[in-house]
Amino acid sequence: MGKSVISRLLFLTYGFWMLWLLFGQRIGDWSGGTYAAFMEQNLNLVPLATIRRYSNVLRYCADFELQKQAVVNLAGNVCLFVPLGVFLPWIWPKLRSFWRMLLCASGVILAVEGIQFLSFLGCCDIDDFILNMVGILLGFVLWKMAAPILGSRRKSP
């Protein structure tokens, strides 16, 4: 099997795993009520509000479960998207340009957040977008460093 086939298989595996993680495990999670009530609980358009809230939990709260939830939310939203920052330029040479990759990655995250907003499958949060982009950018930097090893020496168009 060539590097191209392996990279695509890894990407598909990652993609299906992410779809299950972001949406599949939450099916049937919504307890009902009005759409407005759901939106009040699950929509945040204030940048850094969720990040600040979880940072305060880590600083001032002694409850282990709340601290664990804060770490999972903050670190998870970053770490889960690092592979996307590696796969995009590795598989698609046109996305080796920083700005093209950034635009594509933003579209992917906005689609995820939009689906969460419309489907009741998770929270639509601007801070998720921010943390996911940090993860993707870290992945892109890792890809840049690993490109010679991965056989991705071709320049972006």
Protein backbone atom coordinates (compact mmCIF):
# COMPACT_ATOMS: atom_id res chain seq x y z
CA MET A 1 0.00 0.00 0.00
CA GLY A 2 1.31 3.45 -0.90
CA LYS A 3 1.57 6.46 1.37
CA SER A 4 -1.41 8.04 -0.38
CA VAL A 5 -3.69 5.08 0.38
CA ILE A 6 -2.48 4.87 3.98
CA SER A 7 -2.98 8.60 4.58
CA ARG A 8 -6.50 8.46 3.15
CA LEU A 9 -7.42 5.38 5.22
CA LEU A 10 -6.12 7.06 8.36
CA PHE A 11 -8.07 10.21 7.47
CA LEU A 12 -11.29 8.24 6.89
CA THR A 13 -10.82 6.43 10.20
CA TYR A 14 -10.25 9.75 11.97
CA GLY A 15 -13.27 11.29 10.19
CA PHE A 16 -15.66 8.51 11.19
CA TRP A 17 -14.36 8.53 14.75
CA MET A 18 -14.84 12.31 14.96
CA LEU A 19 -18.38 12.09 13.54
CA TRP A 20 -19.27 9.51 16.17
CA LEU A 21 -17.59 11.52 18.93
CA LEU A 22 -19.21 14.83 17.91
CA PHE A 23 -22.66 13.55 16.98
CA GLY A 24 -23.22 9.80 17.31
CA GLN A 25 -22.85 9.44 21.05
CA ARG A 26 -25.26 12.31 21.63
CA ILE A 27 -28.23 11.00 19.66
CA GLY A 28 -31.22 10.95 21.97
CA ASP A 29 -29.39 13.15 24.49
CA TRP A 30 -31.84 16.04 24.27
CA SER A 31 -34.51 15.82 26.95
CA GLY A 32 -37.08 17.90 25.10
CA GLY A 33 -38.50 21.27 25.99
CA THR A 34 -38.64 24.23 23.69
CA TYR A 35 -36.08 25.07 21.05
CA ALA A 36 -35.57 28.45 22.75
CA ALA A 37 -34.77 26.77 26.07
CA PHE A 38 -32.31 24.45 24.34
CA MET A 39 -30.62 27.39 22.62
CA GLU A 40 -30.33 29.29 25.89
CA GLN A 41 -28.42 26.37 27.39
CA ASN A 42 -26.44 25.27 24.34
CA LEU A 43 -25.51 28.39 22.37
CA ASN A 44 -22.61 30.69 23.20
CA LEU A 45 -21.68 33.51 20.84
CA VAL A 46 -19.59 35.44 23.39
CA PRO A 47 -15.90 34.83 22.64
CA LEU A 48 -13.88 33.45 25.56
CA ALA A 49 -16.91 33.11 27.89
CA THR A 50 -16.72 29.30 28.09
CA ILE A 51 -12.92 29.34 28.19
CA ARG A 52 -13.00 31.82 31.11
CA ARG A 53 -15.63 29.76 32.92
CA TYR A 54 -13.60 26.56 32.65
CA SER A 55 -10.37 28.39 33.53
CA ASN A 56 -12.04 29.66 36.70
CA VAL A 57 -13.13 26.13 37.55
CA LEU A 58 -9.52 24.98 37.22
CA ARG A 59 -8.25 27.87 39.35
CA TYR A 60 -10.85 28.13 42.10
CA CYS A 61 -12.96 24.98 42.28
CA ALA A 62 -11.94 21.98 44.37
CA ASP A 63 -14.54 19.63 42.85
CA PHE A 64 -12.60 16.96 40.95
CA GLU A 65 -15.48 16.15 38.58
CA LEU A 66 -15.87 19.80 37.54
CA GLN A 67 -12.13 20.11 37.07
CA LYS A 68 -12.11 16.97 34.95
CA GLN A 69 -14.95 18.36 32.82
CA ALA A 70 -13.01 21.61 32.36
CA VAL A 71 -9.84 19.81 31.26
CA VAL A 72 -11.76 17.51 28.92
CA ASN A 73 -13.53 20.49 27.33
CA LEU A 74 -10.51 22.77 26.98
CA ALA A 75 -7.84 20.21 26.08
CA GLY A 76 -10.23 17.97 24.18
CA ASN A 77 -11.38 20.72 21.85
CA VAL A 78 -7.74 21.43 21.00
CA CYS A 79 -6.35 17.88 20.85
CA LEU A 80 -9.18 16.35 18.83
CA PHE A 81 -8.54 18.71 15.94
CA VAL A 82 -4.74 18.46 15.78
CA PRO A 83 -4.98 15.51 13.35
CA LEU A 84 -7.13 17.58 10.97
CA GLY A 85 -4.32 20.14 10.78
CA VAL A 86 -1.99 17.31 9.75
CA PHE A 87 -4.31 15.46 7.36
CA LEU A 88 -5.53 18.45 5.33
CA PRO A 89 -2.13 19.47 3.93
CA TRP A 90 -0.80 15.89 3.88
CA ILE A 91 -3.57 14.60 1.63
CA TRP A 92 -4.48 17.71 -0.39
CA PRO A 93 -1.47 19.62 -1.76
CA LYS A 94 -3.54 22.78 -2.39
CA LEU A 95 -4.10 23.00 1.37
CA ARG A 96 -0.38 23.28 2.07
CA SER A 97 -0.82 27.01 1.82
CA PHE A 98 -1.47 28.34 5.33
CA TRP A 99 -4.36 30.59 4.25
CA ARG A 100 -6.11 27.94 2.16
CA MET A 101 -5.81 25.42 4.98
CA LEU A 102 -7.11 28.00 7.46
CA LEU A 103 -10.11 28.78 5.25
CA CYS A 104 -10.92 25.09 4.72
CA ALA A 105 -10.50 24.25 8.42
CA SER A 106 -12.73 27.18 9.40
CA GLY A 107 -15.39 25.85 7.04
CA VAL A 108 -15.19 22.39 8.59
CA ILE A 109 -15.54 23.73 12.13
CA LEU A 110 -18.36 26.11 11.18
CA ALA A 111 -20.18 23.16 9.58
CA VAL A 112 -19.77 21.11 12.79
CA GLU A 113 -21.01 23.98 14.95
CA GLY A 114 -23.90 24.64 12.55
CA ILE A 115 -25.00 21.01 12.64
CA GLN A 116 -24.83 21.08 16.44
CA PHE A 117 -26.91 24.27 16.44
CA LEU A 118 -29.61 22.84 14.17
CA SER A 119 -29.72 19.25 15.39
CA PHE A 120 -29.63 19.47 19.21
CA LEU A 121 -26.49 17.28 19.10
CA GLY A 122 -24.13 19.24 21.30
CA CYS A 123 -23.39 22.87 22.03
CA CYS A 124 -22.79 25.55 19.45
CA ASP A 125 -20.02 27.59 21.04
CA ILE A 126 -17.69 30.21 19.57
CA ASP A 127 -15.08 29.05 22.08
CA ASP A 128 -15.21 25.56 20.55
CA PHE A 129 -14.38 27.22 17.23
CA ILE A 130 -11.43 29.06 18.83
CA LEU A 131 -10.09 25.94 20.59
CA ASN A 132 -10.60 23.74 17.51
CA MET A 133 -8.68 26.25 15.39
CA VAL A 134 -5.81 26.23 17.90
CA GLY A 135 -5.69 22.44 17.51
CA ILE A 136 -5.76 22.63 13.73
CA LEU A 137 -3.00 25.25 13.71
CA LEU A 138 -0.88 23.06 16.01
CA GLY A 139 -1.47 20.17 13.62
CA PHE A 140 -0.46 22.31 10.65
CA VAL A 141 2.80 23.25 12.41
CA LEU A 142 3.42 19.57 13.17
CA TRP A 143 2.76 18.69 9.53
CA LYS A 144 5.21 21.40 8.38
CA MET A 145 7.87 19.87 10.64
CA ALA A 146 7.03 16.29 9.59
CA ALA A 147 6.46 16.93 5.85
CA PRO A 148 9.89 15.61 4.82
CA ILE A 149 9.26 12.39 6.78
CA LEU A 150 5.70 11.99 5.42
CA GLY A 151 6.92 12.43 1.86
CA SER A 152 5.12 15.75 1.38
CA ARG A 153 7.97 17.73 -0.09
CA ARG A 154 6.06 19.09 -3.06
CA LYS A 155 5.41 22.79 -2.83
CA SER A 156 1.86 24.08 -2.58
CA PRO A 157 0.52 25.56 -5.84
